[in-house]
Protein backbone atom coordinates (compact mmCIF):
# COMPACT_ATOMS: atom_id res chain seq x y z
CA MET A 1 -18.33 -6.86 10.91
CA ASP A 2 -16.45 -8.01 7.85
CA PHE A 3 -18.10 -8.85 4.56
CA SER A 4 -15.00 -9.59 2.41
CA LYS A 5 -15.78 -10.96 -1.03
CA LEU A 6 -14.32 -11.13 -4.50
CA GLU A 7 -15.96 -9.55 -7.50
CA THR A 8 -16.55 -11.55 -10.66
CA ASP A 9 -16.05 -8.68 -13.12
CA GLN A 10 -12.79 -8.41 -15.03
CA ASP A 11 -11.89 -5.04 -13.57
CA THR A 12 -11.93 -5.48 -9.79
CA ILE A 13 -9.14 -7.29 -7.96
CA ALA A 14 -11.05 -7.40 -4.66
CA SER A 15 -13.93 -5.71 -2.91
CA PHE A 16 -15.22 -5.61 0.64
CA PHE A 17 -17.68 -3.88 2.90
CA ASP A 18 -16.31 -2.05 5.90
CA GLN A 19 -17.99 -0.35 8.81
CA MET A 20 -16.87 3.24 8.95
CA SER A 21 -16.24 4.53 12.44
CA ALA A 22 -15.42 7.98 13.79
CA GLY A 23 -13.30 6.34 16.48
CA LEU A 24 -10.49 5.14 14.21
CA THR A 25 -7.33 7.17 13.77
CA PRO A 26 -6.48 8.57 10.32
CA ILE A 27 -4.61 5.99 8.25
CA SER A 28 -2.86 8.33 5.85
CA LEU A 29 0.77 7.96 6.83
CA ASN A 30 2.10 11.20 5.43
CA ILE A 31 -0.83 13.45 6.12
CA PRO A 32 -2.24 14.16 9.59
CA GLU A 33 -5.95 14.74 9.78
CA GLN A 34 -6.93 18.17 8.56
CA GLU A 35 -9.16 20.47 10.54
CA GLY A 36 -12.79 20.08 9.61
CA THR A 37 -12.36 16.58 8.26
CA ASN A 38 -15.71 14.88 7.84
CA GLU A 39 -16.38 11.91 10.09
CA PHE A 40 -18.58 8.97 9.16
CA ALA A 41 -21.06 7.51 11.57
CA HIS A 42 -21.18 3.73 11.82
CA GLU A 43 -22.08 2.80 8.28
CA ASP A 44 -21.19 -0.12 6.03
CA GLN A 45 -19.71 1.02 2.76
CA GLU A 46 -18.37 -0.95 -0.19
CA PHE A 47 -14.81 -0.44 -1.37
CA ARG A 48 -12.99 -1.85 -4.37
CA ILE A 49 -9.33 -2.30 -5.25
CA ARG A 50 -8.51 -1.95 -8.95
CA LEU A 51 -5.56 -1.26 -11.20
CA ALA A 52 -5.02 2.31 -12.35
CA ASN A 53 -5.00 1.03 -15.93
CA THR A 54 -6.97 3.80 -17.61
CA GLU A 55 -6.15 7.46 -18.15
CA GLU A 56 -9.12 8.48 -16.00
CA ARG A 57 -7.98 6.35 -13.07
CA ARG A 58 -4.39 7.50 -13.35
CA ASP A 59 -5.55 11.11 -13.39
CA SER A 60 -7.69 10.51 -10.30
CA ALA A 61 -4.80 8.83 -8.50
CA ASN A 62 -2.47 11.69 -9.43
CA ILE A 63 -4.94 14.23 -8.10
CA LEU A 64 -5.02 12.43 -4.75
CA ILE A 65 -1.21 12.04 -4.66
CA ASN A 66 -0.61 15.69 -5.47
CA LYS A 67 -3.19 16.80 -2.93
CA MET A 68 -1.70 14.75 -0.12
CA TYR A 69 1.95 15.45 -0.91
CA SER A 70 1.58 19.16 -1.63
CA TRP A 71 -0.36 19.69 1.59
CA ARG A 72 2.78 18.57 3.43
CA GLY A 73 5.03 20.65 1.20
CA TYR A 74 6.43 17.63 -0.64
CA GLY A 75 7.11 17.50 -4.34
CA SER A 76 5.59 14.69 -6.39
CA ALA A 77 5.91 13.26 -9.88
CA GLY A 78 2.90 11.69 -11.53
CA ILE A 79 2.32 8.00 -12.10
CA ASN A 80 4.25 6.66 -15.08
CA GLU A 81 1.94 4.38 -17.07
CA ASN A 82 4.66 3.48 -19.58
CA ASN A 83 6.85 1.38 -17.26
CA PRO A 84 5.93 -2.32 -17.60
CA ASN A 85 7.63 -3.07 -14.28
CA ARG A 86 5.27 -0.86 -12.27
CA ILE A 87 1.60 -1.13 -11.38
CA THR A 88 -0.57 1.27 -9.43
CA LEU A 89 -3.42 0.10 -7.23
CA ILE A 90 -6.36 2.33 -6.40
CA ALA A 91 -9.05 2.02 -3.76
CA SER A 92 -12.42 3.58 -4.45
CA GLY A 93 -15.84 3.74 -2.87
CA ALA A 94 -19.23 3.05 -4.37
CA ASP A 95 -19.13 6.40 -6.20
CA SER A 96 -15.80 5.39 -7.85
CA GLU A 97 -13.94 8.31 -6.26
CA VAL A 98 -10.30 7.33 -5.68
CA ILE A 99 -9.60 7.43 -1.94
CA GLY A 100 -6.33 5.51 -1.80
CA THR A 101 -3.45 4.56 -4.05
CA LEU A 102 -0.15 2.66 -3.86
CA THR A 103 2.40 1.89 -6.60
CA VAL A 104 4.48 -1.31 -6.79
CA GLY A 105 7.74 -1.32 -8.76
CA LEU A 106 9.47 -4.59 -9.65
CA ASP A 107 13.27 -4.65 -9.81
CA SER A 108 14.75 -4.90 -13.31
CA THR A 109 17.77 -3.81 -15.32
CA MET A 110 16.30 -0.30 -15.04
CA GLY A 111 16.70 -0.44 -11.26
CA LEU A 112 14.35 1.09 -8.70
CA PHE A 113 13.64 4.67 -7.69
CA ALA A 114 15.27 3.88 -4.34
CA ASP A 115 18.56 3.20 -6.15
CA GLU A 116 18.95 6.96 -6.48
CA MET A 117 19.59 7.32 -2.74
CA TYR A 118 20.24 3.76 -1.58
CA HIS A 119 22.02 1.96 -4.39
CA GLU A 120 24.63 0.37 -2.10
CA GLU A 121 21.99 -0.94 0.28
CA LEU A 122 19.92 -2.40 -2.56
CA GLU A 123 22.97 -3.91 -4.23
CA ALA A 124 23.78 -5.66 -0.94
CA LEU A 125 20.30 -7.24 -0.98
CA ARG A 126 20.72 -8.29 -4.61
CA ARG A 127 24.06 -9.92 -3.85
CA GLN A 128 22.35 -11.91 -1.08
CA GLY A 129 19.97 -13.32 -3.68
CA CYS A 130 16.99 -11.18 -2.69
CA LYS A 131 14.51 -10.41 -5.43
CA ILE A 132 13.22 -6.99 -4.47
CA CYS A 133 10.44 -4.59 -5.30
CA GLU A 134 9.61 -1.14 -4.00
CA TYR A 135 6.53 0.69 -2.81
CA ASN A 136 5.92 4.37 -3.34
CA LYS A 137 3.30 7.02 -4.04
CA LEU A 138 1.16 5.93 -1.12
CA ALA A 139 -1.72 8.30 -0.53
CA VAL A 140 -4.96 7.81 1.39
CA ASP A 141 -7.62 10.47 1.71
CA PRO A 142 -7.49 11.54 5.39
CA LYS A 143 -11.27 11.84 5.63
CA ILE A 144 -11.54 8.05 5.20
CA LYS A 145 -11.25 6.31 8.56
CA SER A 146 -10.90 2.63 7.74
CA LYS A 147 -8.00 0.36 8.61
CA ARG A 148 -9.17 -1.96 5.86
CA ILE A 149 -8.24 0.49 3.08
CA LEU A 150 -4.55 0.64 3.93
CA SER A 151 -4.43 -3.07 4.82
CA SER A 152 -6.11 -4.11 1.56
CA LEU A 153 -3.80 -1.97 -0.56
CA PHE A 154 -0.71 -3.41 1.12
CA HIS A 155 -2.03 -6.99 1.04
CA ILE A 156 -2.52 -6.88 -2.72
CA ALA A 157 0.72 -4.91 -3.20
CA TYR A 158 2.57 -7.73 -1.43
CA LEU A 159 0.74 -10.55 -3.23
CA TYR A 160 1.53 -9.16 -6.67
CA PRO A 161 5.35 -9.37 -6.45
CA TYR A 162 5.44 -12.32 -4.04
CA GLY A 163 2.73 -14.60 -5.38
CA VAL A 164 2.92 -13.79 -9.08
CA PHE A 165 6.64 -13.13 -9.65
CA GLY A 166 8.38 -14.78 -6.71
CA HIS A 167 9.93 -11.67 -5.22
CA THR A 168 11.28 -12.06 -1.70
CA ASP A 169 11.49 -8.55 -0.24
CA GLY A 170 9.95 -5.12 -0.49
CA VAL A 171 11.54 -1.76 0.24
CA LEU A 172 9.96 1.57 1.05
CA GLU A 173 11.30 5.10 1.48
CA VAL A 174 9.48 6.99 4.23
CA ASN A 175 9.82 10.15 6.25
CA PRO A 176 11.78 9.38 9.45
CA ARG A 177 8.81 10.34 11.60
CA HIS A 178 6.83 7.42 10.16
CA VAL A 179 9.40 4.67 10.72
CA LYS A 180 7.85 3.45 13.98
CA PHE A 181 4.45 3.07 12.33
CA TYR A 182 5.79 0.80 9.60
CA GLU A 183 7.90 -1.18 12.04
CA ARG A 184 4.98 -1.78 14.38
CA MET A 185 2.14 -2.13 11.90
CA LEU A 186 3.77 -4.06 9.04
CA GLY A 187 7.07 -5.40 10.37
CA PHE A 188 9.41 -3.26 8.27
CA THR A 189 12.98 -2.72 9.45
CA GLN A 190 15.26 0.21 8.66
CA ILE A 191 18.21 -0.61 6.39
CA GLY A 192 19.20 2.84 5.09
CA PRO A 193 20.15 6.07 6.91
CA GLU A 194 18.31 9.37 6.70
CA ARG A 195 18.93 11.28 3.47
CA ILE A 196 17.14 14.00 1.52
CA CYS A 197 15.01 12.48 -1.22
CA PRO A 198 15.31 14.62 -4.39
CA ARG A 199 11.97 13.39 -5.73
CA VAL A 200 9.88 14.84 -2.88
CA HIS A 201 12.45 17.26 -1.41
CA ALA A 202 12.08 15.81 2.07
CA PRO A 203 14.11 13.57 4.41
CA GLY A 204 13.68 9.85 4.01
CA VAL A 205 14.97 6.52 5.27
CA LEU A 206 14.90 3.12 3.60
CA LEU A 207 12.82 0.32 5.11
CA ARG A 208 12.66 -3.35 4.17
CA THR A 209 10.15 -6.13 4.74
CA ASN A 210 10.47 -9.84 4.00
CA PHE A 211 7.54 -11.39 2.17
CA ALA A 212 7.88 -14.76 3.92
CA TYR A 213 7.31 -12.87 7.18
CA MET A 214 4.26 -11.15 5.74
CA ALA A 215 2.88 -14.51 4.59
CA GLU A 216 3.24 -15.84 8.15
CA GLN A 217 1.36 -12.84 9.53
CA VAL A 218 -1.47 -13.28 7.04
CA GLU A 219 -1.69 -16.97 7.95
CA LYS A 220 -1.95 -16.12 11.64
CA TYR A 221 -4.07 -13.00 11.67
CA GLY A 222 -5.65 -12.30 8.28
CA GLY A 223 -9.35 -11.52 8.59
CA LEU A 224 -9.48 -11.52 12.41
CA MET A 225 -9.84 -7.74 12.61
CA ASP A 226 -11.02 -6.64 16.07
CA LYS A 227 -10.94 -10.25 17.33
CA ALA A 228 -7.12 -10.23 17.33
CA ASP A 229 -6.70 -9.18 20.95
CA GLY A 230 -3.31 -7.73 21.79
CA VAL A 231 -2.05 -7.63 18.17
CA LYS A 232 -0.69 -4.16 17.44
CA SER A 233 -0.09 -4.65 13.72
CA ILE A 234 -2.63 -4.14 10.93
CA TYR A 235 -2.32 -7.74 9.71
CA PRO A 236 -5.67 -8.68 11.29
CA TYR A 237 -7.22 -6.28 8.76
CA PHE A 238 -5.63 -8.06 5.80
CA PHE A 239 -7.81 -10.47 3.82
CA THR A 240 -8.25 -14.06 4.97
CA LYS A 241 -6.15 -16.83 3.43
CA THR A 242 -9.24 -18.00 1.52
CA ASP A 243 -9.76 -14.54 0.05
CA GLU A 244 -6.03 -14.29 -0.63
CA THR A 245 -6.16 -17.38 -2.85
CA GLY A 246 -8.89 -15.87 -4.98
CA ILE A 247 -7.16 -12.50 -5.19
CA LEU A 248 -3.91 -14.16 -6.25
CA GLY A 249 -5.72 -15.99 -9.03
CA ARG A 250 -7.10 -12.71 -10.33
CA LEU A 251 -3.70 -11.02 -10.15
CA ARG A 252 -2.16 -13.82 -12.20
CA THR A 253 -4.71 -13.31 -14.98
CA MET A 254 -3.92 -9.59 -15.00
CA ALA A 255 -0.11 -9.91 -14.98
């Protein structure tokens, strides 16, 4: 059962209750479930999405990122709080422990991280008039089994560039083994070939999603959750359009 709601404090972008279930698959895309991972019984827990806008939150997000990436043998640089074109979202439980994080980078004269490997592909999008952003440093604690965590992070990470700044497309570098997940669950398409990413010392490909498409999916399926029979994507676990309006208002005050 969903209990989505918006907080009234100045610090929380959105919050929701979710029923934890041992039957869900791990949602961390880079990290398979580790042996001995704790499983939750059916239990409603509150989660909040905030900005990593304090040193303590950035440190907590970096700990999670380093834990998840190093476990797979990937390298990882910390979150850069000095770039005005980047924001980092964090998801936390009632105890404020960071259990998920995702960074959004807006295109600027400084370019994007993805330009290092895929400059020609990104330049082609720019020439077409696309206003792009990128997603990186996704990490979700594998012991958390909730589709809402990943969906909520991506919903807000799409609303920020699309609703606040009018960006049209998002790009994402992922390990080739995870391409099918992003294609099926979020509607990404591959636009760049496999190359070795020097930042994490692992193979990657470049994916793209169109924000108008994401808006259509939210309109159709947002908030339906398990009632969306036959829908294979995670869009039913995004917020409802009503919640989206409130979240967008909060993002605009924070921009």
